[in-house]
Amino acid sequence: MNLFSLLDLNELALGMSKLSMFPLFDTAHYVVSTMALKEQPGAVDVARRSPFACWFSAMLHCFGGAVLSGLMLAQPSVAPLSNTGSVLLASVVWYLVFYCPANLVYRCSASLPVRLVLSGMKEVSRTWKVLGGVTQARKQYTDALLVMIAVGWARGAGGGLISNFEQLVRGVWKPETNELLKMSYPTKVTLVGAVLFTLQQSYRLPVKEHHLIFAYTVFLVVNKVWMMLTGSTSSPLAPLEGVLYRTFFALQPEQPSCATQVYPGTLAHLSGKNSDKGAAACATQKRTNSAAETGGKRSVKGSHTETRKDK
């Protein structure tokens, strides 16, 4: 990209692409993931009643992406746990976050400056996870773009995508929290990254790999830090999502049925003249139906009278 040459960022981007995630960035990922687990309702109680269930939930938070992507590629689901060093490190982090005396580790990690650093490092590791999933799928399915996107997405956001299963481990069942029904910001931005890296790896996006790694990582870190500092819960992708939804997926509003009784507020989705016209049409149709019923009753009475006269 000419922009990288102009800003003299080629060496920086190339150096970032050679970063090793273990142990610093992986540790940050484990800390943030375990803290997210501890902050869920009932998680501390589960840690008291069943430490093993709590540990297993923490491992799903830490290695959920690798487990899910492995299952999608018909690989053993326990393969991510074969890395003894990573599992041991994640287990130590889990123990310190949940069981450290005076809750010292969690309280220090939850302070805003430390949490900003840890969250930024976790977003850096997200880039490597997405790219790793895409390249892993590309080795088996060279031209299958959808498979590459799906595996990269699962690798980078697997902890959220399997959240319902993780909740079952803790005895919680909330199907309405399914990430596919209501995607969180990390799930959405991971999907965008999976699409971009898939296009780049398949030579459909004319960008060098280390340039895309640098640009995507900066985007993730800046947005995450900005959202944490401002306390914003809305996704930066929300305006684009709104335009795409209204353009391709928005359904036309249905007209109110006159067969259903209209109560105040039931036509709230119709505004202005549309609601007045709909109500007027319903009233007209009701009067017509009433007149028809009255005429029918009169004709029936007339026929009965004529019958009695004949008798």
Protein backbone atom coordinates (compact mmCIF):
# COMPACT_ATOMS: atom_id res chain seq x y z
CA MET A 1 0.00 0.00 0.00
CA ASN A 2 1.36 3.41 -0.97
CA LEU A 3 0.03 4.89 2.27
CA PHE A 4 2.36 2.70 4.33
CA SER A 5 5.33 3.75 2.22
CA LEU A 6 4.32 7.39 2.47
CA LEU A 7 4.03 7.25 6.26
CA ASP A 8 7.11 5.02 6.58
CA LEU A 9 5.12 2.29 8.33
CA ASN A 10 6.38 -0.67 6.33
CA GLU A 11 8.98 -1.72 8.88
CA LEU A 12 6.56 -1.23 11.77
CA ALA A 13 3.88 -3.33 10.06
CA LEU A 14 6.40 -6.03 9.17
CA GLY A 15 7.73 -6.11 12.73
CA MET A 16 4.21 -6.39 14.16
CA SER A 17 3.43 -9.33 11.89
CA LYS A 18 6.36 -11.22 13.47
CA LEU A 19 5.21 -10.72 17.06
CA SER A 20 4.95 -13.81 19.24
CA MET A 21 1.69 -14.10 21.16
CA PHE A 22 3.10 -16.38 23.86
CA PRO A 23 3.39 -15.60 26.69
CA LEU A 24 2.53 -11.90 27.10
CA PHE A 25 -0.40 -11.47 24.72
CA ASP A 26 -1.81 -14.90 25.56
CA THR A 27 -1.64 -14.03 29.26
CA ALA A 28 -3.58 -10.82 28.63
CA HIS A 29 -6.18 -12.83 26.72
CA TYR A 30 -6.52 -15.31 29.58
CA VAL A 31 -6.82 -12.57 32.20
CA VAL A 32 -9.51 -10.62 30.33
CA SER A 33 -11.45 -13.78 29.46
CA THR A 34 -11.35 -15.08 33.04
CA MET A 35 -12.39 -11.68 34.40
CA ALA A 36 -15.33 -11.66 31.99
CA LEU A 37 -16.35 -15.06 33.36
CA LYS A 38 -16.09 -13.90 36.97
CA GLU A 39 -18.28 -10.86 36.23
CA GLN A 40 -21.15 -13.01 35.00
CA PRO A 41 -24.05 -13.51 37.45
CA GLY A 42 -23.61 -16.61 39.58
CA ALA A 43 -20.04 -17.36 38.48
CA VAL A 44 -18.53 -16.68 41.91
CA ASP A 45 -21.09 -18.98 43.52
CA VAL A 46 -20.19 -21.72 41.04
CA ALA A 47 -16.51 -21.21 41.91
CA ARG A 48 -17.36 -21.87 45.57
CA ARG A 49 -19.58 -24.90 44.94
CA SER A 50 -17.69 -26.56 42.10
CA PRO A 51 -14.14 -25.36 41.31
CA PHE A 52 -13.86 -27.92 38.51
CA ALA A 53 -16.95 -26.58 36.70
CA CYS A 54 -15.57 -23.06 37.10
CA TRP A 55 -12.18 -24.14 35.74
CA PHE A 56 -13.78 -25.88 32.77
CA SER A 57 -15.83 -22.76 31.98
CA ALA A 58 -12.67 -20.67 32.14
CA MET A 59 -10.90 -23.00 29.70
CA LEU A 60 -13.84 -22.66 27.30
CA HIS A 61 -13.52 -18.88 27.55
CA CYS A 62 -9.78 -19.05 26.90
CA PHE A 63 -9.67 -21.79 24.23
CA GLY A 64 -13.23 -21.73 22.87
CA GLY A 65 -12.14 -20.40 19.49
CA ALA A 66 -9.57 -23.15 18.95
CA VAL A 67 -12.04 -25.83 20.08
CA LEU A 68 -14.83 -24.61 17.79
CA SER A 69 -12.61 -24.14 14.74
CA GLY A 70 -11.14 -27.61 15.29
CA LEU A 71 -14.60 -29.16 15.38
CA MET A 72 -15.52 -27.39 12.14
CA LEU A 73 -12.47 -28.89 10.44
CA ALA A 74 -13.16 -32.39 11.85
CA GLN A 75 -10.17 -32.20 14.18
CA PRO A 76 -10.10 -33.47 17.79
CA SER A 77 -11.84 -31.02 20.11
CA VAL A 78 -9.21 -31.65 22.80
CA ALA A 79 -6.32 -30.68 20.53
CA PRO A 80 -6.07 -27.12 21.96
CA LEU A 81 -5.60 -28.67 25.42
CA SER A 82 -2.56 -30.60 24.21
CA ASN A 83 -0.43 -27.47 24.59
CA THR A 84 0.55 -28.03 28.20
CA GLY A 85 2.26 -24.67 28.61
CA SER A 86 -0.79 -22.68 27.49
CA VAL A 87 -3.21 -24.73 29.58
CA LEU A 88 -1.00 -24.41 32.65
CA LEU A 89 -0.70 -20.64 32.17
CA ALA A 90 -4.47 -20.25 31.71
CA SER A 91 -5.09 -22.39 34.81
CA VAL A 92 -2.75 -20.26 36.92
CA VAL A 93 -4.50 -17.10 35.71
CA TRP A 94 -7.90 -18.63 36.50
CA TYR A 95 -6.83 -19.56 40.02
CA LEU A 96 -5.39 -16.12 40.77
CA VAL A 97 -8.43 -14.27 39.41
CA PHE A 98 -10.93 -16.35 41.38
CA TYR A 99 -9.07 -17.45 44.52
CA CYS A 100 -6.32 -14.93 45.19
CA PRO A 101 -6.46 -13.70 48.84
CA ALA A 102 -8.31 -10.40 49.25
CA ASN A 103 -9.30 -10.67 45.58
CA LEU A 104 -6.07 -8.79 44.89
CA VAL A 105 -5.38 -9.95 41.31
CA TYR A 106 -8.90 -9.23 40.09
CA ARG A 107 -9.03 -5.82 41.76
CA CYS A 108 -5.67 -4.79 40.27
CA SER A 109 -6.61 -6.08 36.81
CA ALA A 110 -10.02 -4.38 36.96
CA SER A 111 -8.52 -0.92 37.47
CA LEU A 112 -9.01 1.18 34.36
CA PRO A 113 -5.35 1.74 33.34
CA VAL A 114 -4.45 -1.95 33.70
CA ARG A 115 -7.65 -3.09 32.03
CA LEU A 116 -7.05 -0.78 29.07
CA VAL A 117 -3.64 -2.33 28.50
CA LEU A 118 -4.90 -5.90 28.91
CA SER A 119 -7.89 -5.33 26.62
CA GLY A 120 -5.68 -3.77 23.96
CA MET A 121 -3.32 -6.75 24.10
CA LYS A 122 -6.28 -9.12 23.85
CA GLU A 123 -7.43 -7.36 20.66
CA VAL A 124 -3.93 -7.83 19.22
CA SER A 125 -4.20 -11.56 19.87
CA ARG A 126 -7.63 -11.56 18.19
CA THR A 127 -5.98 -10.58 14.90
CA TRP A 128 -3.62 -13.55 15.07
CA LYS A 129 -6.47 -15.91 15.94
CA VAL A 130 -8.57 -14.79 12.96
CA LEU A 131 -5.62 -15.04 10.59
CA GLY A 132 -4.67 -18.43 12.04
CA GLY A 133 -8.18 -19.76 11.48
CA VAL A 134 -8.29 -18.52 7.89
CA THR A 135 -4.89 -20.00 7.00
CA GLN A 136 -5.77 -23.26 8.76
CA ALA A 137 -8.93 -23.62 6.68
CA ARG A 138 -7.12 -22.60 3.49
CA LYS A 139 -4.74 -25.55 3.84
CA GLN A 140 -7.65 -28.00 3.58
CA TYR A 141 -10.08 -26.00 1.42
CA THR A 142 -8.07 -23.82 -0.93
CA ASP A 143 -10.89 -22.05 -2.76
CA ALA A 144 -13.72 -22.42 -0.23
CA LEU A 145 -14.17 -18.81 0.81
CA LEU A 146 -17.17 -19.51 3.03
CA VAL A 147 -15.27 -22.20 4.95
CA MET A 148 -12.30 -19.88 5.43
CA ILE A 149 -14.55 -17.10 6.71
CA ALA A 150 -16.44 -19.43 9.06
CA VAL A 151 -13.31 -20.98 10.56
CA GLY A 152 -11.57 -17.62 10.95
CA TRP A 153 -14.68 -16.23 12.61
CA ALA A 154 -14.94 -19.22 14.94
CA ARG A 155 -11.25 -19.04 15.84
CA GLY A 156 -11.42 -15.35 16.72
CA ALA A 157 -14.81 -15.24 18.47
CA GLY A 158 -15.35 -18.84 19.55
CA GLY A 159 -15.69 -17.95 23.22
CA GLY A 160 -18.80 -15.93 22.43
CA LEU A 161 -20.21 -18.31 19.84
CA ILE A 162 -20.19 -21.24 22.28
CA SER A 163 -21.39 -19.16 25.23
CA ASN A 164 -24.61 -21.18 25.54
CA PHE A 165 -22.63 -24.39 26.00
CA GLU A 166 -20.33 -22.68 28.49
CA GLN A 167 -23.37 -21.51 30.45
CA LEU A 168 -24.67 -25.08 30.62
CA VAL A 169 -21.46 -26.08 32.37
CA ARG A 170 -22.37 -23.59 35.10
CA GLY A 171 -25.99 -24.78 35.23
CA VAL A 172 -27.40 -21.81 33.34
CA TRP A 173 -29.67 -22.00 30.29
CA LYS A 174 -30.34 -18.72 28.47
CA PRO A 175 -31.08 -19.43 24.79
CA GLU A 176 -32.00 -15.78 24.23
CA THR A 177 -28.32 -14.87 24.70
CA ASN A 178 -27.31 -16.76 21.56
CA GLU A 179 -24.67 -14.72 19.73
CA LEU A 180 -26.28 -15.48 16.37
CA LEU A 181 -29.52 -13.86 17.55
CA LYS A 182 -27.90 -10.76 19.01
CA MET A 183 -24.26 -10.37 18.09
CA SER A 184 -21.94 -8.49 20.37
CA TYR A 185 -19.33 -6.06 19.07
CA PRO A 186 -16.41 -8.56 19.31
CA THR A 187 -18.37 -11.13 17.30
CA LYS A 188 -19.24 -8.60 14.60
CA VAL A 189 -15.75 -7.14 14.25
CA THR A 190 -14.26 -10.64 14.17
CA LEU A 191 -16.56 -11.55 11.30
CA VAL A 192 -15.40 -8.45 9.41
CA GLY A 193 -11.79 -9.45 10.01
CA ALA A 194 -12.44 -13.00 8.83
CA VAL A 195 -13.89 -11.67 5.57
CA LEU A 196 -10.96 -9.30 5.01
CA PHE A 197 -8.26 -11.89 5.70
CA THR A 198 -10.07 -14.46 3.55
CA LEU A 199 -10.13 -12.05 0.62
CA GLN A 200 -6.47 -11.22 1.18
CA GLN A 201 -5.37 -14.86 1.46
CA SER A 202 -7.30 -15.75 -1.71
CA TYR A 203 -5.62 -12.86 -3.59
CA ARG A 204 -8.91 -11.04 -4.10
CA LEU A 205 -7.86 -8.10 -1.92
CA PRO A 206 -4.71 -6.37 -3.24
CA VAL A 207 -3.13 -5.81 0.18
CA LYS A 208 -0.02 -7.33 1.70
CA GLU A 209 -0.59 -9.56 4.68
CA HIS A 210 1.47 -7.55 7.17
CA HIS A 211 -0.22 -4.32 6.05
CA LEU A 212 -3.66 -5.78 6.68
CA ILE A 213 -2.53 -7.17 10.04
CA PHE A 214 -1.31 -3.73 11.08
CA ALA A 215 -4.41 -1.85 9.88
CA TYR A 216 -6.89 -4.31 11.38
CA THR A 217 -5.05 -4.48 14.70
CA VAL A 218 -4.91 -0.69 15.02
CA PHE A 219 -8.63 -0.53 14.25
CA LEU A 220 -9.42 -3.10 16.95
CA VAL A 221 -7.24 -1.54 19.64
CA VAL A 222 -8.35 2.05 19.00
CA ASN A 223 -12.04 1.17 18.99
CA LYS A 224 -11.76 -0.96 22.12
CA VAL A 225 -9.90 1.71 24.07
CA TRP A 226 -12.32 4.40 22.88
CA MET A 227 -15.36 2.34 23.91
CA MET A 228 -13.89 1.68 27.36
CA LEU A 229 -12.93 5.31 27.97
CA THR A 230 -16.29 6.69 26.86
CA GLY A 231 -18.36 3.90 28.37
CA SER A 232 -20.07 3.40 25.04
CA THR A 233 -21.96 0.17 24.44
CA SER A 234 -22.90 0.87 20.82
CA SER A 235 -20.86 -0.66 18.04
CA PRO A 236 -18.86 1.65 15.74
CA LEU A 237 -20.30 -0.46 12.93
CA ALA A 238 -23.89 0.43 13.90
CA PRO A 239 -24.41 3.14 11.21
CA LEU A 240 -23.25 0.79 8.46
CA GLU A 241 -25.38 -2.02 9.86
CA GLY A 242 -28.44 0.25 9.88
CA VAL A 243 -27.98 1.23 6.24
CA LEU A 244 -27.47 -2.36 5.10
CA TYR A 245 -30.46 -3.59 7.11
CA ARG A 246 -32.83 -0.93 5.80
CA THR A 247 -31.62 -1.50 2.25
CA PHE A 248 -31.72 -5.29 2.04
CA PHE A 249 -33.62 -6.80 4.96
CA ALA A 250 -36.28 -4.37 6.20
CA LEU A 251 -39.84 -5.67 5.73
CA GLN A 252 -42.73 -3.45 4.68
CA PRO A 253 -45.04 -2.54 7.60
CA GLU A 254 -48.19 -4.63 7.62
CA GLN A 255 -51.60 -2.93 7.44
CA PRO A 256 -53.71 -3.41 10.59
CA SER A 257 -56.34 -6.11 10.35
CA CYS A 258 -59.93 -4.89 10.74
CA ALA A 259 -60.94 -8.27 12.14
CA THR A 260 -58.86 -7.49 15.23
CA GLN A 261 -60.12 -4.99 17.77
CA VAL A 262 -58.00 -1.85 17.76
CA TYR A 263 -56.79 -0.66 21.14
CA PRO A 264 -54.88 2.56 21.86
CA GLY A 265 -51.24 2.09 21.03
CA THR A 266 -51.62 -0.92 18.75
CA LEU A 267 -51.05 1.27 15.70
CA ALA A 268 -48.00 2.95 17.17
CA HIS A 269 -45.85 1.66 14.35
CA LEU A 270 -47.99 3.61 11.89
CA SER A 271 -47.52 7.35 12.14
CA GLY A 272 -49.44 10.40 11.01
CA LYS A 273 -51.84 10.03 8.13
CA ASN A 274 -51.24 6.33 7.73
CA SER A 275 -52.74 5.55 11.15
CA ASP A 276 -55.74 7.85 10.48
CA LYS A 277 -56.36 6.24 7.10
CA GLY A 278 -56.06 2.76 8.58
CA ALA A 279 -58.52 3.55 11.37
CA ALA A 280 -60.97 5.18 8.94
CA ALA A 281 -60.79 2.17 6.63
CA CYS A 282 -61.49 -0.16 9.53
CA ALA A 283 -64.46 1.93 10.67
CA THR A 284 -65.91 2.02 7.14
CA GLN A 285 -65.55 -1.72 6.75
CA LYS A 286 -67.21 -2.32 10.13
CA ARG A 287 -70.18 -0.11 9.16
CA THR A 288 -70.51 -1.96 5.87
CA ASN A 289 -70.45 -5.33 7.60
CA SER A 290 -73.00 -4.13 10.17
CA ALA A 291 -75.36 -2.89 7.45
CA ALA A 292 -75.05 -6.17 5.60
CA GLU A 293 -75.84 -8.13 8.76
CA THR A 294 -78.88 -5.90 9.48
CA GLY A 295 -80.18 -6.35 5.93
CA GLY A 296 -79.73 -10.09 6.21
CA LYS A 297 -81.72 -10.22 9.45
CA ARG A 298 -84.55 -8.18 7.91
CA SER A 299 -84.75 -10.45 4.89
CA VAL A 300 -84.91 -13.49 7.17
CA LYS A 301 -87.73 -11.92 9.21
CA GLY A 302 -89.63 -11.06 6.00
CA SER A 303 -89.41 -14.61 4.77
CA HIS A 304 -90.73 -15.92 8.10
CA THR A 305 -93.70 -13.49 7.95
CA GLU A 306 -94.62 -14.55 4.42
CA THR A 307 -94.46 -18.19 5.48
CA ARG A 308 -96.91 -17.58 8.36
CA LYS A 309 -99.32 -15.72 6.04
CA ASP A 310 -99.31 -18.63 3.59
CA LYS A 311 -100.17 -20.96 6.43
